[in-house]
């Protein structure tokens, strides 16, 4: 059995800061096929590029634990991101104000 199939549980990017647990049922060198066990309705198997896999695990429990640990790590940076966003908004406001002032000053000459 290949190393990849020994690790049939994967984390797939869902959105920034969150990954979904995915069970790999089959794979080729380029694609994987499987399902999301944590979704309410498990539909037909879906296919993705192997590039969609963020990490692989041997067990469902290991994949879930890694996901939760990664969420905690993501959250550690929330305050820094909020501060950076506030600084960006302030800088954009200053740029807008300077632009408007430049235009108004030019109109008064």
PDB file of N, CA and C in Angstrom:
ATOM      1  N   UNK A   1       0.850  -1.182   0.000  1.00  0.00           N
ATOM      2  CA  UNK A   1       0.000   0.000   0.000  1.00  0.00           C
ATOM      3  C   UNK A   1       0.895   1.244   0.000  1.00  0.00           C
ATOM      4  N   UNK A   2       0.526   2.242  -0.778  1.00  0.00           N
ATOM      5  CA  UNK A   2       1.331   3.455  -0.860  1.00  0.00           C
ATOM      6  C   UNK A   2       1.181   4.287   0.401  1.00  0.00           C
ATOM      7  N   UNK A   3       2.141   5.148   0.619  1.00  0.00           N
ATOM      8  CA  UNK A   3       2.084   6.069   1.766  1.00  0.00           C
ATOM      9  C   UNK A   3       0.818   6.923   1.713  1.00  0.00           C
ATOM     10  N   UNK A   4       0.456   7.335   0.522  1.00  0.00           N
ATOM     11  CA  UNK A   4      -0.712   8.198   0.394  1.00  0.00           C
ATOM     12  C   UNK A   4      -1.988   7.495   0.855  1.00  0.00           C
ATOM     13  N   UNK A   5      -2.196   6.259   0.462  1.00  0.00           N
ATOM     14  CA  UNK A   5      -3.418   5.570   0.863  1.00  0.00           C
ATOM     15  C   UNK A   5      -3.363   5.112   2.321  1.00  0.00           C
ATOM     16  N   UNK A   6      -2.167   5.029   2.895  1.00  0.00           N
ATOM     17  CA  UNK A   6      -2.076   4.759   4.317  1.00  0.00           C
ATOM     18  C   UNK A   6      -2.559   5.966   5.119  1.00  0.00           C
ATOM     19  N   UNK A   7      -2.666   7.087   4.434  1.00  0.00           N
ATOM     20  CA  UNK A   7      -3.138   8.324   5.060  1.00  0.00           C
ATOM     21  C   UNK A   7      -4.357   8.821   4.281  1.00  0.00           C
ATOM     22  N   UNK A   8      -5.496   8.131   4.396  1.00  0.00           N
ATOM     23  CA  UNK A   8      -6.659   8.446   3.558  1.00  0.00           C
ATOM     24  C   UNK A   8      -7.504   9.622   4.049  1.00  0.00           C
ATOM     25  N   UNK A   9      -7.145  10.211   5.173  1.00  0.00           N
ATOM     26  CA  UNK A   9      -7.895  11.363   5.678  1.00  0.00           C
ATOM     27  C   UNK A   9      -7.111  12.617   5.345  1.00  0.00           C
ATOM     28  N   UNK A  10      -7.810  13.596   4.810  1.00  0.00           N
ATOM     29  CA  UNK A  10      -7.137  14.826   4.391  1.00  0.00           C
ATOM     30  C   UNK A  10      -7.871  16.041   4.938  1.00  0.00           C
ATOM     31  N   UNK A  11      -7.151  17.129   5.009  1.00  0.00           N
ATOM     32  CA  UNK A  11      -7.767  18.423   5.281  1.00  0.00           C
ATOM     33  C   UNK A  11      -7.733  19.199   3.976  1.00  0.00           C
ATOM     34  N   UNK A  12      -8.906  19.698   3.605  1.00  0.00           N
ATOM     35  CA  UNK A  12      -9.067  20.443   2.361  1.00  0.00           C
ATOM     36  C   UNK A  12      -9.436  21.881   2.717  1.00  0.00           C
ATOM     37  N   UNK A  13      -8.841  22.839   2.010  1.00  0.00           N
ATOM     38  CA  UNK A  13      -9.148  24.248   2.273  1.00  0.00           C
ATOM     39  C   UNK A  13     -10.637  24.495   2.009  1.00  0.00           C
ATOM     40  N   UNK A  14     -11.302  25.073   2.999  1.00  0.00           N
ATOM     41  CA  UNK A  14     -12.705  25.453   2.837  1.00  0.00           C
ATOM     42  C   UNK A  14     -12.774  26.960   2.604  1.00  0.00           C
ATOM     43  N   UNK A  15     -12.239  27.722   3.512  1.00  0.00           N
ATOM     44  CA  UNK A  15     -12.064  29.157   3.366  1.00  0.00           C
ATOM     45  C   UNK A  15     -10.926  29.550   4.282  1.00  0.00           C
ATOM     46  N   UNK A  16     -10.537  30.802   4.256  1.00  0.00           N
ATOM     47  CA  UNK A  16      -9.398  31.239   5.066  1.00  0.00           C
ATOM     48  C   UNK A  16      -9.611  30.866   6.530  1.00  0.00           C
ATOM     49  N   UNK A  17      -8.687  30.153   7.068  1.00  0.00           N
ATOM     50  CA  UNK A  17      -8.744  29.784   8.476  1.00  0.00           C
ATOM     51  C   UNK A  17      -9.550  28.543   8.793  1.00  0.00           C
ATOM     52  N   UNK A  18     -10.077  27.868   7.784  1.00  0.00           N
ATOM     53  CA  UNK A  18     -10.862  26.675   8.071  1.00  0.00           C
ATOM     54  C   UNK A  18     -10.606  25.628   7.000  1.00  0.00           C
ATOM     55  N   UNK A  19     -10.476  24.390   7.451  1.00  0.00           N
ATOM     56  CA  UNK A  19     -10.290  23.268   6.535  1.00  0.00           C
ATOM     57  C   UNK A  19     -11.338  22.212   6.861  1.00  0.00           C
ATOM     58  N   UNK A  20     -11.830  21.536   5.850  1.00  0.00           N
ATOM     59  CA  UNK A  20     -12.797  20.453   6.033  1.00  0.00           C
ATOM     60  C   UNK A  20     -12.088  19.107   5.979  1.00  0.00           C
ATOM     61  N   UNK A  21     -12.540  18.197   6.832  1.00  0.00           N
ATOM     62  CA  UNK A  21     -12.020  16.835   6.815  1.00  0.00           C
ATOM     63  C   UNK A  21     -12.614  16.117   5.602  1.00  0.00           C
ATOM     64  N   UNK A  22     -11.764  15.402   4.875  1.00  0.00           N
ATOM     65  CA  UNK A  22     -12.154  14.737   3.635  1.00  0.00           C
ATOM     66  C   UNK A  22     -11.605  13.318   3.664  1.00  0.00           C
ATOM     67  N   UNK A  23     -12.409  12.352   3.286  1.00  0.00           N
ATOM     68  CA  UNK A  23     -11.946  10.966   3.217  1.00  0.00           C
ATOM     69  C   UNK A  23     -11.630  10.630   1.770  1.00  0.00           C
ATOM     70  N   UNK A  24     -10.377  10.258   1.525  1.00  0.00           N
ATOM     71  CA  UNK A  24      -9.935   9.915   0.180  1.00  0.00           C
ATOM     72  C   UNK A  24     -10.243   8.443  -0.069  1.00  0.00           C
ATOM     73  N   UNK A  25     -11.095   8.188  -1.048  1.00  0.00           N
ATOM     74  CA  UNK A  25     -11.448   6.808  -1.404  1.00  0.00           C
ATOM     75  C   UNK A  25     -10.557   6.250  -2.497  1.00  0.00           C
ATOM     76  N   UNK A  26     -10.119   7.106  -3.410  1.00  0.00           N
ATOM     77  CA  UNK A  26      -9.224   6.678  -4.482  1.00  0.00           C
ATOM     78  C   UNK A  26      -8.445   7.888  -4.955  1.00  0.00           C
ATOM     79  N   UNK A  27      -7.336   7.596  -5.631  1.00  0.00           N
ATOM     80  CA  UNK A  27      -6.530   8.691  -6.145  1.00  0.00           C
ATOM     81  C   UNK A  27      -5.684   8.245  -7.316  1.00  0.00           C
ATOM     82  N   UNK A  28      -5.345   9.225  -8.118  1.00  0.00           N
ATOM     83  CA  UNK A  28      -4.397   9.062  -9.209  1.00  0.00           C
ATOM     84  C   UNK A  28      -3.260  10.033  -8.899  1.00  0.00           C
ATOM     85  N   UNK A  29      -2.235  10.044  -9.713  1.00  0.00           N
ATOM     86  CA  UNK A  29      -1.171  11.029  -9.453  1.00  0.00           C
ATOM     87  C   UNK A  29      -1.660  12.482  -9.507  1.00  0.00           C
ATOM     88  N   UNK A  30      -2.781  12.727 -10.188  1.00  0.00           N
ATOM     89  CA  UNK A  30      -3.265  14.093 -10.360  1.00  0.00           C
ATOM     90  C   UNK A  30      -4.528  14.443  -9.595  1.00  0.00           C
ATOM     91  N   UNK A  31      -5.312  13.433  -9.187  1.00  0.00           N
ATOM     92  CA  UNK A  31      -6.596  13.760  -8.568  1.00  0.00           C
ATOM     93  C   UNK A  31      -6.925  12.800  -7.431  1.00  0.00           C
ATOM     94  N   UNK A  32      -7.851  13.276  -6.584  1.00  0.00           N
ATOM     95  CA  UNK A  32      -8.359  12.449  -5.498  1.00  0.00           C
ATOM     96  C   UNK A  32      -9.876  12.412  -5.602  1.00  0.00           C
ATOM     97  N   UNK A  33     -10.467  11.342  -5.113  1.00  0.00           N
ATOM     98  CA  UNK A  33     -11.915  11.183  -5.083  1.00  0.00           C
ATOM     99  C   UNK A  33     -12.293  10.745  -3.681  1.00  0.00           C
ATOM    100  N   UNK A  34     -13.359  11.319  -3.167  1.00  0.00           N
ATOM    101  CA  UNK A  34     -13.806  10.946  -1.829  1.00  0.00           C
ATOM    102  C   UNK A  34     -15.014  11.734  -1.398  1.00  0.00           C
ATOM    103  N   UNK A  35     -15.169  11.878  -0.067  1.00  0.00           N
ATOM    104  CA  UNK A  35     -16.349  12.559   0.477  1.00  0.00           C
ATOM    105  C   UNK A  35     -15.993  13.258   1.779  1.00  0.00           C
ATOM    106  N   UNK A  36     -16.874  14.158   2.193  1.00  0.00           N
ATOM    107  CA  UNK A  36     -16.739  14.906   3.439  1.00  0.00           C
ATOM    108  C   UNK A  36     -17.606  14.232   4.497  1.00  0.00           C
ATOM    109  N   UNK A  37     -17.040  13.551   5.477  1.00  0.00           N
ATOM    110  CA  UNK A  37     -17.838  12.814   6.456  1.00  0.00           C
ATOM    111  C   UNK A  37     -18.584  13.708   7.450  1.00  0.00           C
ATOM    112  N   UNK A  38     -18.150  14.956   7.614  1.00  0.00           N
ATOM    113  CA  UNK A  38     -18.779  15.836   8.598  1.00  0.00           C
ATOM    114  C   UNK A  38     -19.942  16.645   8.039  1.00  0.00           C
ATOM    115  N   UNK A  39     -20.239  16.485   6.791  1.00  0.00           N
ATOM    116  CA  UNK A  39     -21.356  17.226   6.199  1.00  0.00           C
ATOM    117  C   UNK A  39     -22.638  16.460   6.452  1.00  0.00           C
ATOM    118  N   UNK A  40     -23.729  17.199   6.632  1.00  0.00           N
ATOM    119  CA  UNK A  40     -25.014  16.571   6.974  1.00  0.00           C
ATOM    120  C   UNK A  40     -25.447  15.553   5.942  1.00  0.00           C
ATOM    121  N   UNK A  41     -25.336  15.905   4.679  1.00  0.00           N
ATOM    122  CA  UNK A  41     -25.722  14.957   3.638  1.00  0.00           C
ATOM    123  C   UNK A  41     -24.482  14.602   2.840  1.00  0.00           C
ATOM    124  N   UNK A  42     -24.105  13.371   2.916  1.00  0.00           N
ATOM    125  CA  UNK A  42     -22.959  12.907   2.152  1.00  0.00           C
ATOM    126  C   UNK A  42     -23.471  12.491   0.785  1.00  0.00           C
ATOM    127  N   UNK A  43     -23.108  13.275  -0.207  1.00  0.00           N
ATOM    128  CA  UNK A  43     -23.577  13.009  -1.557  1.00  0.00           C
ATOM    129  C   UNK A  43     -22.628  12.076  -2.285  1.00  0.00           C
ATOM    130  N   UNK A  44     -22.705  12.099  -3.596  1.00  0.00           N
ATOM    131  CA  UNK A  44     -21.812  11.241  -4.384  1.00  0.00           C
ATOM    132  C   UNK A  44     -20.363  11.688  -4.188  1.00  0.00           C
ATOM    133  N   UNK A  45     -19.406  10.801  -4.424  1.00  0.00           N
ATOM    134  CA  UNK A  45     -17.999  11.184  -4.290  1.00  0.00           C
ATOM    135  C   UNK A  45     -17.667  12.374  -5.182  1.00  0.00           C
ATOM    136  N   UNK A  46     -16.744  13.188  -4.718  1.00  0.00           N
ATOM    137  CA  UNK A  46     -16.307  14.356  -5.479  1.00  0.00           C
ATOM    138  C   UNK A  46     -14.839  14.198  -5.834  1.00  0.00           C
ATOM    139  N   UNK A  47     -14.432  14.865  -6.899  1.00  0.00           N
ATOM    140  CA  UNK A  47     -13.050  14.818  -7.382  1.00  0.00           C
ATOM    141  C   UNK A  47     -12.393  16.176  -7.220  1.00  0.00           C
ATOM    142  N   UNK A  48     -11.115  16.144  -6.836  1.00  0.00           N
ATOM    143  CA  UNK A  48     -10.314  17.357  -6.717  1.00  0.00           C
ATOM    144  C   UNK A  48      -8.923  17.082  -7.240  1.00  0.00           C
ATOM    145  N   UNK A  49      -8.229  18.135  -7.551  1.00  0.00           N
ATOM    146  CA  UNK A  49      -6.810  18.037  -7.854  1.00  0.00           C
ATOM    147  C   UNK A  49      -6.083  17.695  -6.560  1.00  0.00           C
ATOM    148  N   UNK A  50      -4.986  16.971  -6.650  1.00  0.00           N
ATOM    149  CA  UNK A  50      -4.214  16.651  -5.451  1.00  0.00           C
ATOM    150  C   UNK A  50      -3.674  17.925  -4.797  1.00  0.00           C
ATOM    151  N   UNK A  51      -3.610  19.013  -5.547  1.00  0.00           N
ATOM    152  CA  UNK A  51      -3.148  20.285  -4.972  1.00  0.00           C
ATOM    153  C   UNK A  51      -4.113  20.829  -3.926  1.00  0.00           C
ATOM    154  N   UNK A  52      -5.348  20.368  -3.911  1.00  0.00           N
ATOM    155  CA  UNK A  52      -6.333  20.853  -2.948  1.00  0.00           C
ATOM    156  C   UNK A  52      -6.101  20.303  -1.547  1.00  0.00           C
ATOM    157  N   UNK A  53      -5.309  19.266  -1.428  1.00  0.00           N
ATOM    158  CA  UNK A  53      -5.048  18.649  -0.125  1.00  0.00           C
ATOM    159  C   UNK A  53      -4.058  19.508   0.652  1.00  0.00           C
ATOM    160  N   UNK A  54      -4.460  19.947   1.829  1.00  0.00           N
ATOM    161  CA  UNK A  54      -3.564  20.720   2.684  1.00  0.00           C
ATOM    162  C   UNK A  54      -2.657  19.812   3.505  1.00  0.00           C
ATOM    163  N   UNK A  55      -3.200  18.693   3.993  1.00  0.00           N
ATOM    164  CA  UNK A  55      -2.434  17.740   4.809  1.00  0.00           C
ATOM    165  C   UNK A  55      -3.165  16.409   4.813  1.00  0.00           C
ATOM    166  N   UNK A  56      -2.420  15.330   5.069  1.00  0.00           N
ATOM    167  CA  UNK A  56      -2.990  13.975   5.118  1.00  0.00           C
ATOM    168  C   UNK A  56      -2.761  13.357   6.490  1.00  0.00           C
ATOM    169  N   UNK A  57      -3.710  12.491   6.883  1.00  0.00           N
ATOM    170  CA  UNK A  57      -3.655  11.853   8.199  1.00  0.00           C
ATOM    171  C   UNK A  57      -4.085  10.401   8.090  1.00  0.00           C
ATOM    172  N   UNK A  58      -3.618   9.598   9.032  1.00  0.00           N
ATOM    173  CA  UNK A  58      -3.948   8.179   9.034  1.00  0.00           C
ATOM    174  C   UNK A  58      -5.350   7.911   9.574  1.00  0.00           C
ATOM    175  N   UNK A  59      -5.855   8.806  10.445  1.00  0.00           N
ATOM    176  CA  UNK A  59      -7.162   8.572  11.056  1.00  0.00           C
ATOM    177  C   UNK A  59      -8.026   9.824  11.006  1.00  0.00           C
ATOM    178  N   UNK A  60      -9.329   9.597  11.103  1.00  0.00           N
ATOM    179  CA  UNK A  60     -10.278  10.701  11.172  1.00  0.00           C
ATOM    180  C   UNK A  60     -10.000  11.565  12.393  1.00  0.00           C
ATOM    181  N   UNK A  61      -9.732  10.937  13.520  1.00  0.00           N
ATOM    182  CA  UNK A  61      -9.487  11.671  14.762  1.00  0.00           C
ATOM    183  C   UNK A  61      -8.265  12.581  14.635  1.00  0.00           C
ATOM    184  N   UNK A  62      -7.217  12.086  13.991  1.00  0.00           N
ATOM    185  CA  UNK A  62      -6.013  12.897  13.811  1.00  0.00           C
ATOM    186  C   UNK A  62      -6.293  14.101  12.922  1.00  0.00           C
ATOM    187  N   UNK A  63      -7.091  13.908  11.882  1.00  0.00           N
ATOM    188  CA  UNK A  63      -7.439  15.021  10.989  1.00  0.00           C
ATOM    189  C   UNK A  63      -8.263  16.063  11.729  1.00  0.00           C
ATOM    190  N   UNK A  64      -9.232  15.629  12.509  1.00  0.00           N
ATOM    191  CA  UNK A  64     -10.061  16.577  13.275  1.00  0.00           C
ATOM    192  C   UNK A  64      -9.224  17.322  14.307  1.00  0.00           C
ATOM    193  N   UNK A  65      -8.337  16.616  14.997  1.00  0.00           N
ATOM    194  CA  UNK A  65      -7.489  17.259  16.002  1.00  0.00           C
ATOM    195  C   UNK A  65      -6.572  18.299  15.361  1.00  0.00           C
ATOM    196  N   UNK A  66      -6.006  17.971  14.206  1.00  0.00           N
ATOM    197  CA  UNK A  66      -5.143  18.909  13.502  1.00  0.00           C
ATOM    198  C   UNK A  66      -5.926  20.138  13.066  1.00  0.00           C
ATOM    199  N   UNK A  67      -7.145  19.925  12.588  1.00  0.00           N
ATOM    200  CA  UNK A  67      -7.988  21.053  12.172  1.00  0.00           C
ATOM    201  C   UNK A  67      -8.243  21.980  13.344  1.00  0.00           C
ATOM    202  N   UNK A  68      -8.604  21.410  14.501  1.00  0.00           N
ATOM    203  CA  UNK A  68      -8.891  22.231  15.675  1.00  0.00           C
ATOM    204  C   UNK A  68      -7.643  22.970  16.160  1.00  0.00           C
ATOM    205  N   UNK A  69      -6.500  22.297  16.132  1.00  0.00           N
ATOM    206  CA  UNK A  69      -5.254  22.959  16.512  1.00  0.00           C
ATOM    207  C   UNK A  69      -4.903  24.099  15.579  1.00  0.00           C
ATOM    208  N   UNK A  70      -5.156  23.902  14.295  1.00  0.00           N
ATOM    209  CA  UNK A  70      -4.869  24.945  13.314  1.00  0.00           C
ATOM    210  C   UNK A  70      -5.802  26.137  13.487  1.00  0.00           C
ATOM    211  N   UNK A  71      -7.055  25.884  13.842  1.00  0.00           N
ATOM    212  CA  UNK A  71      -7.987  26.987  14.101  1.00  0.00           C
ATOM    213  C   UNK A  71      -7.497  27.806  15.293  1.00  0.00           C
ATOM    214  N   UNK A  72      -7.043  27.131  16.337  1.00  0.00           N
ATOM    215  CA  UNK A  72      -6.515  27.841  17.512  1.00  0.00           C
ATOM    216  C   UNK A  72      -5.302  28.687  17.127  1.00  0.00           C
ATOM    217  N   UNK A  73      -4.442  28.128  16.283  1.00  0.00           N
ATOM    218  CA  UNK A  73      -3.268  28.880  15.834  1.00  0.00           C
ATOM    219  C   UNK A  73      -3.693  30.092  15.008  1.00  0.00           C
ATOM    220  N   UNK A  74      -4.675  29.921  14.142  1.00  0.00           N
ATOM    221  CA  UNK A  74      -5.208  31.022  13.328  1.00  0.00           C
ATOM    222  C   UNK A  74      -5.720  32.133  14.231  1.00  0.00           C
ATOM    223  N   UNK A  75      -6.472  31.767  15.256  1.00  0.00           N
ATOM    224  CA  UNK A  75      -7.081  32.742  16.157  1.00  0.00           C
ATOM    225  C   UNK A  75      -6.037  33.547  16.935  1.00  0.00           C
ATOM    226  N   UNK A  76      -4.867  32.985  17.172  1.00  0.00           N
ATOM    227  CA  UNK A  76      -3.806  33.713  17.886  1.00  0.00           C
ATOM    228  C   UNK A  76      -3.433  34.999  17.164  1.00  0.00           C
ATOM    229  N   UNK A  77      -3.680  35.043  15.868  1.00  0.00           N
ATOM    230  CA  UNK A  77      -3.282  36.182  15.057  1.00  0.00           C
ATOM    231  C   UNK A  77      -4.422  37.167  14.790  1.00  0.00           C
ATOM    232  N   UNK A  78      -5.601  36.901  15.330  1.00  0.00           N
ATOM    233  CA  UNK A  78      -6.761  37.753  15.062  1.00  0.00           C
ATOM    234  C   UNK A  78      -6.523  39.213  15.457  1.00  0.00           C
ATOM    235  N   UNK A  79      -5.975  39.455  16.642  1.00  0.00           N
ATOM    236  CA  UNK A  79      -5.774  40.832  17.107  1.00  0.00           C
ATOM    237  C   UNK A  79      -4.795  41.571  16.189  1.00  0.00           C
ATOM    238  N   UNK A  80      -3.728  40.906  15.788  1.00  0.00           N
ATOM    239  CA  UNK A  80      -2.770  41.534  14.884  1.00  0.00           C
ATOM    240  C   UNK A  80      -3.394  41.886  13.547  1.00  0.00           C
ATOM    241  N   UNK A  81      -4.246  41.005  13.041  1.00  0.00           N
ATOM    242  CA  UNK A  81      -4.934  41.274  11.776  1.00  0.00           C
ATOM    243  C   UNK A  81      -5.890  42.459  11.940  1.00  0.00           C
ATOM    244  N   UNK A  82      -6.642  42.477  13.040  1.00  0.00           N
ATOM    245  CA  UNK A  82      -7.549  43.613  13.272  1.00  0.00           C
ATOM    246  C   UNK A  82      -6.775  44.923  13.360  1.00  0.00           C
ATOM    247  N   UNK A  83      -5.641  44.904  14.066  1.00  0.00           N
ATOM    248  CA  UNK A  83      -4.823  46.116  14.179  1.00  0.00           C
ATOM    249  C   UNK A  83      -4.298  46.553  12.818  1.00  0.00           C
ATOM    250  N   UNK A  84      -3.844  45.603  12.015  1.00  0.00           N
ATOM    251  CA  UNK A  84      -3.339  45.925  10.682  1.00  0.00           C
ATOM    252  C   UNK A  84      -4.453  46.473   9.791  1.00  0.00           C
ATOM    253  N   UNK A  85      -5.649  45.906   9.895  1.00  0.00           N
ATOM    254  CA  UNK A  85      -6.780  46.403   9.105  1.00  0.00           C
ATOM    255  C   UNK A  85      -7.144  47.818   9.520  1.00  0.00           C
ATOM    256  N   UNK A  86      -7.115  48.099  10.824  1.00  0.00           N
ATOM    257  CA  UNK A  86      -7.410  49.454  11.310  1.00  0.00           C
ATOM    258  C   UNK A  86      -6.352  50.436  10.806  1.00  0.00           C
ATOM    259  N   UNK A  87      -5.083  50.035  10.839  1.00  0.00           N
ATOM    260  CA  UNK A  87      -4.014  50.902  10.338  1.00  0.00           C
ATOM    261  C   UNK A  87      -4.180  51.146   8.842  1.00  0.00           C
ATOM    262  N   UNK A  88      -4.575  50.118   8.095  1.00  0.00           N
ATOM    263  CA  UNK A  88      -4.802  50.277   6.661  1.00  0.00           C
ATOM    264  C   UNK A  88      -5.960  51.244   6.402  1.00  0.00           C
ATOM    265  N   UNK A  89      -7.059  51.095   7.147  1.00  0.00           N
ATOM    266  CA  UNK A  89      -8.189  52.031   6.972  1.00  0.00           C
ATOM    267  C   UNK A  89      -7.760  53.466   7.271  1.00  0.00           C
ATOM    268  N   UNK A  90      -6.957  53.650   8.321  1.00  0.00           N
ATOM    269  CA  UNK A  90      -6.474  55.000   8.658  1.00  0.00           C
ATOM    270  C   UNK A  90      -5.600  55.558   7.544  1.00  0.00           C
ATOM    271  N   UNK A  91      -4.697  54.736   7.000  1.00  0.00           N
ATOM    272  CA  UNK A  91      -3.825  55.181   5.918  1.00  0.00           C
ATOM    273  C   UNK A  91      -4.634  55.515   4.664  1.00  0.00           C
ATOM    274  N   UNK A  92      -5.649  54.716   4.360  1.00  0.00           N
ATOM    275  CA  UNK A  92      -6.498  54.998   3.200  1.00  0.00           C
ATOM    276  C   UNK A  92      -7.280  56.294   3.399  1.00  0.00           C
ATOM    277  N   UNK A  93      -7.726  56.547   4.618  1.00  0.00           N
ATOM    278  CA  UNK A  93      -8.456  57.798   4.924  1.00  0.00           C
ATOM    279  C   UNK A  93      -7.523  58.993   4.748  1.00  0.00           C
ATOM    280  N   UNK A  94      -6.293  58.873   5.237  1.00  0.00           N
ATOM    281  CA  UNK A  94      -5.326  59.956   5.076  1.00  0.00           C
ATOM    282  C   UNK A  94      -5.025  60.210   3.604  1.00  0.00           C
ATOM    283  N   UNK A  95      -4.902  59.162   2.830  1.00  0.00           N
ATOM    284  CA  UNK A  95      -4.645  59.310   1.391  1.00  0.00           C
ATOM    285  C   UNK A  95      -5.819  60.005   0.711  1.00  0.00           C
ATOM    286  N   UNK A  96      -7.030  59.563   1.039  1.00  0.00           N
ATOM    287  CA  UNK A  96      -8.237  60.184   0.458  1.00  0.00           C
ATOM    288  C   UNK A  96      -8.320  61.660   0.832  1.00  0.00           C
ATOM    289  N   UNK A  97      -8.084  61.957   2.118  1.00  0.00           N
ATOM    290  CA  UNK A  97      -8.140  63.355   2.572  1.00  0.00           C
ATOM    291  C   UNK A  97      -7.085  64.210   1.871  1.00  0.00           C
ATOM    292  N   UNK A  98      -5.877  63.678   1.708  1.00  0.00           N
ATOM    293  CA  UNK A  98      -4.809  64.423   1.038  1.00  0.00           C
ATOM    294  C   UNK A  98      -5.151  64.655  -0.428  1.00  0.00           C
ATOM    295  N   UNK A  99      -5.736  63.663  -1.073  1.00  0.00           N
ATOM    296  CA  UNK A  99      -6.131  63.794  -2.475  1.00  0.00           C
ATOM    297  C   UNK A  99      -7.190  64.885  -2.642  1.00  0.00           C
ATOM    298  N   UNK A 100      -8.208  64.820  -1.765  1.00  0.00           N
ATOM    299  CA  UNK A 100      -9.269  65.841  -1.847  1.00  0.00           C
ATOM    300  C   UNK A 100      -8.722  67.234  -1.559  1.00  0.00           C
ATOM    301  N   UNK A 101      -7.846  67.349  -0.576  1.00  0.00           N
ATOM    302  CA  UNK A 101      -7.257  68.651  -0.241  1.00  0.00           C
ATOM    303  C   UNK A 101      -6.461  69.194  -1.419  1.00  0.00           C
ATOM    304  N   UNK A 102      -5.698  68.314  -2.083  1.00  0.00           N
ATOM    305  CA  UNK A 102      -4.911  68.724  -3.240  1.00  0.00           C
ATOM    306  C   UNK A 102      -5.823  69.276  -4.335  1.00  0.00           C
ATOM    307  N   UNK A 103      -6.927  68.568  -4.605  1.00  0.00           N
ATOM    308  CA  UNK A 103      -7.866  69.022  -5.638  1.00  0.00           C
ATOM    309  C   UNK A 103      -8.507  70.350  -5.265  1.00  0.00           C
ATOM    310  N   UNK A 104      -8.926  70.469  -4.013  1.00  0.00           N
ATOM    311  CA  UNK A 104      -9.596  71.713  -3.560  1.00  0.00           C
ATOM    312  C   UNK A 104      -8.619  72.892  -3.569  1.00  0.00           C
ATOM    313  N   UNK A 105      -7.390  72.630  -3.120  1.00  0.00           N
ATOM    314  CA  UNK A 105      -6.382  73.692  -3.140  1.00  0.00           C
ATOM    315  C   UNK A 105      -6.114  74.168  -4.564  1.00  0.00           C
ATOM    316  N   UNK A 106      -6.055  73.209  -5.493  1.00  0.00           N
ATOM    317  CA  UNK A 106      -5.812  73.563  -6.898  1.00  0.00           C
ATOM    318  C   UNK A 106      -6.971  74.389  -7.449  1.00  0.00           C
ATOM    319  N   UNK A 107      -8.200  74.117  -7.002  1.00  0.00           N
ATOM    320  CA  UNK A 107      -9.360  74.850  -7.532  1.00  0.00           C
ATOM    321  C   UNK A 107      -9.423  76.270  -7.000  1.00  0.00           C
ATOM    322  N   UNK A 108      -8.709  76.526  -5.907  1.00  0.00           N
ATOM    323  CA  UNK A 108      -8.741  77.884  -5.311  1.00  0.00           C
ATOM    324  C   UNK A 108      -7.631  78.775  -5.822  1.00  0.00           C
ATOM    325  N   UNK A 109      -6.748  78.232  -6.653  1.00  0.00           N
ATOM    326  CA  UNK A 109      -5.650  79.057  -7.192  1.00  0.00           C
ATOM    327  C   UNK A 109      -6.086  79.900  -8.344  1.00  0.00           C
TER     328      UNK A 109
END
